[in-house]
Amino acid sequence: MITRVRPGNVQTVEPVAQFDEAQRRFITLPIDLGPETEFVVLSLFGTGWRQVDSARDVMVKIGGVECPVEYVGNQPTIEGLDQINVRLPR
């Protein structure tokens, strides 16, 4: 999922994939970065990341471009799940 952050810290959550009944699988959705006044944060979910001491110790590259990691640690609502938040660069 992504979180779109608009001026005034107005946040909306948007999916990055949807289930296609015809293909019987999930397909990715394009991510619109929006205007310069907004930014988009991609949330990744997995396990074992809570062992990281700091977001500075994590590197995420998308298409060869390094993306700033804003958070790494426990996912706050699901026990045992970890989360990394990455700001998507323009």
C-alpha atoms as a PDB file:
ATOM      1  CA  MET A   1       0.000   0.000   0.000  1.00  0.00           C
ATOM      2  CA  ILE A   2       0.978   3.615  -0.342  1.00  0.00           C
ATOM      3  CA  THR A   3       0.148   6.575   1.831  1.00  0.00           C
ATOM      4  CA  ARG A   4      -0.341   9.845  -0.005  1.00  0.00           C
ATOM      5  CA  VAL A   5       0.541  12.865   2.137  1.00  0.00           C
ATOM      6  CA  ARG A   6      -1.020  16.170   1.122  1.00  0.00           C
ATOM      7  CA  PRO A   7      -0.418  19.655   2.556  1.00  0.00           C
ATOM      8  CA  GLY A   8      -1.550  19.914   6.167  1.00  0.00           C
ATOM      9  CA  ASN A   9      -0.457  16.281   6.735  1.00  0.00           C
ATOM     10  CA  VAL A  10      -3.703  14.987   5.201  1.00  0.00           C
ATOM     11  CA  GLN A  11      -3.063  11.290   4.561  1.00  0.00           C
ATOM     12  CA  THR A  12      -4.904   8.794   2.367  1.00  0.00           C
ATOM     13  CA  VAL A  13      -4.085   5.123   1.902  1.00  0.00           C
ATOM     14  CA  GLU A  14      -4.207   3.639  -1.602  1.00  0.00           C
ATOM     15  CA  PRO A  15      -3.678   0.073  -2.861  1.00  0.00           C
ATOM     16  CA  VAL A  16      -0.763  -0.894  -5.116  1.00  0.00           C
ATOM     17  CA  ALA A  17      -2.455  -4.048  -6.441  1.00  0.00           C
ATOM     18  CA  GLN A  18      -5.926  -5.442  -7.081  1.00  0.00           C
ATOM     19  CA  PHE A  19      -7.287  -8.913  -7.707  1.00  0.00           C
ATOM     20  CA  ASP A  20      -8.225  -9.561 -11.341  1.00  0.00           C
ATOM     21  CA  GLU A  21     -11.012 -12.158 -11.433  1.00  0.00           C
ATOM     22  CA  ALA A  22     -10.435 -12.953 -15.120  1.00  0.00           C
ATOM     23  CA  GLN A  23      -6.730 -13.717 -14.579  1.00  0.00           C
ATOM     24  CA  ARG A  24      -7.308 -15.057 -11.044  1.00  0.00           C
ATOM     25  CA  ARG A  25      -4.285 -13.197  -9.722  1.00  0.00           C
ATOM     26  CA  PHE A  26      -3.272  -9.841  -8.304  1.00  0.00           C
ATOM     27  CA  ILE A  27      -2.107  -7.200 -10.749  1.00  0.00           C
ATOM     28  CA  THR A  28      -0.137  -4.083  -9.907  1.00  0.00           C
ATOM     29  CA  LEU A  29      -1.647  -0.625 -10.155  1.00  0.00           C
ATOM     30  CA  PRO A  30       0.268   2.429 -11.365  1.00  0.00           C
ATOM     31  CA  ILE A  31       1.350   4.876  -8.674  1.00  0.00           C
ATOM     32  CA  ASP A  32       0.642   8.525  -9.426  1.00  0.00           C
ATOM     33  CA  LEU A  33       3.122  10.675  -7.494  1.00  0.00           C
ATOM     34  CA  GLY A  34       0.759  13.650  -7.702  1.00  0.00           C
ATOM     35  CA  PRO A  35       1.760  17.304  -7.637  1.00  0.00           C
ATOM     36  CA  GLU A  36       4.967  18.628  -6.065  1.00  0.00           C
ATOM     37  CA  THR A  37       2.987  19.633  -2.943  1.00  0.00           C
ATOM     38  CA  GLU A  38       2.391  15.944  -2.117  1.00  0.00           C
ATOM     39  CA  PHE A  39       4.637  12.999  -1.372  1.00  0.00           C
ATOM     40  CA  VAL A  40       4.016   9.263  -1.444  1.00  0.00           C
ATOM     41  CA  VAL A  41       5.257   6.643   1.039  1.00  0.00           C
ATOM     42  CA  LEU A  42       5.355   2.959   0.084  1.00  0.00           C
ATOM     43  CA  SER A  43       4.825   0.520   2.975  1.00  0.00           C
ATOM     44  CA  LEU A  44       6.479  -2.886   2.701  1.00  0.00           C
ATOM     45  CA  PHE A  45       5.583  -5.750   5.047  1.00  0.00           C
ATOM     46  CA  GLY A  46       7.648  -8.753   6.133  1.00  0.00           C
ATOM     47  CA  THR A  47       9.432 -10.282   9.106  1.00  0.00           C
ATOM     48  CA  GLY A  48      12.834  -9.917  10.735  1.00  0.00           C
ATOM     49  CA  TRP A  49      13.140  -6.186  10.128  1.00  0.00           C
ATOM     50  CA  ARG A  50      12.508  -5.209  13.749  1.00  0.00           C
ATOM     51  CA  GLN A  51      16.066  -6.379  14.471  1.00  0.00           C
ATOM     52  CA  VAL A  52      17.435  -3.363  12.569  1.00  0.00           C
ATOM     53  CA  ASP A  53      18.783  -0.651  14.871  1.00  0.00           C
ATOM     54  CA  SER A  54      17.911   2.341  12.698  1.00  0.00           C
ATOM     55  CA  ALA A  55      16.337   3.283   9.356  1.00  0.00           C
ATOM     56  CA  ARG A  56      19.838   4.546   8.430  1.00  0.00           C
ATOM     57  CA  ASP A  57      20.952   0.887   8.395  1.00  0.00           C
ATOM     58  CA  VAL A  58      18.445  -0.034   5.649  1.00  0.00           C
ATOM     59  CA  MET A  59      18.725   0.639   1.916  1.00  0.00           C
ATOM     60  CA  VAL A  60      15.832   0.272  -0.528  1.00  0.00           C
ATOM     61  CA  LYS A  61      16.336   0.662  -4.269  1.00  0.00           C
ATOM     62  CA  ILE A  62      13.523   0.777  -6.788  1.00  0.00           C
ATOM     63  CA  GLY A  63      14.576   0.583 -10.413  1.00  0.00           C
ATOM     64  CA  GLY A  64      18.158   1.233  -9.311  1.00  0.00           C
ATOM     65  CA  VAL A  65      17.169   4.458  -7.511  1.00  0.00           C
ATOM     66  CA  GLU A  66      17.868   4.639  -3.775  1.00  0.00           C
ATOM     67  CA  CYS A  67      14.742   5.646  -1.829  1.00  0.00           C
ATOM     68  CA  PRO A  68      14.772   7.304   1.615  1.00  0.00           C
ATOM     69  CA  VAL A  69      13.697   4.873   4.360  1.00  0.00           C
ATOM     70  CA  GLU A  70      11.512   6.706   6.860  1.00  0.00           C
ATOM     71  CA  TYR A  71      10.639   3.838   9.212  1.00  0.00           C
ATOM     72  CA  VAL A  72      11.666   0.264   9.927  1.00  0.00           C
ATOM     73  CA  GLY A  73      10.262  -1.758  12.806  1.00  0.00           C
ATOM     74  CA  ASN A  74       7.144  -3.401  14.179  1.00  0.00           C
ATOM     75  CA  GLN A  75       3.935  -3.076  12.190  1.00  0.00           C
ATOM     76  CA  PRO A  76       1.698  -1.411  14.777  1.00  0.00           C
ATOM     77  CA  THR A  77      -1.545  -3.370  14.311  1.00  0.00           C
ATOM     78  CA  ILE A  78      -0.542  -6.960  13.439  1.00  0.00           C
ATOM     79  CA  GLU A  79       1.527  -8.897  15.987  1.00  0.00           C
ATOM     80  CA  GLY A  80       4.680 -10.444  14.501  1.00  0.00           C
ATOM     81  CA  LEU A  81       4.633  -8.390  11.296  1.00  0.00           C
ATOM     82  CA  ASP A  82       7.309  -5.808  10.501  1.00  0.00           C
ATOM     83  CA  GLN A  83       7.076  -2.748   8.282  1.00  0.00           C
ATOM     84  CA  ILE A  84       9.375  -0.527   6.228  1.00  0.00           C
ATOM     85  CA  ASN A  85       8.142   2.865   4.989  1.00  0.00           C
ATOM     86  CA  VAL A  86       9.964   4.257   1.953  1.00  0.00           C
ATOM     87  CA  ARG A  87       9.395   7.711   0.473  1.00  0.00           C
ATOM     88  CA  LEU A  88       9.114   7.430  -3.295  1.00  0.00           C
ATOM     89  CA  PRO A  89      11.356   9.946  -5.070  1.00  0.00           C
ATOM     90  CA  ARG A  90      10.167  11.845  -8.093  1.00  0.00           C
END
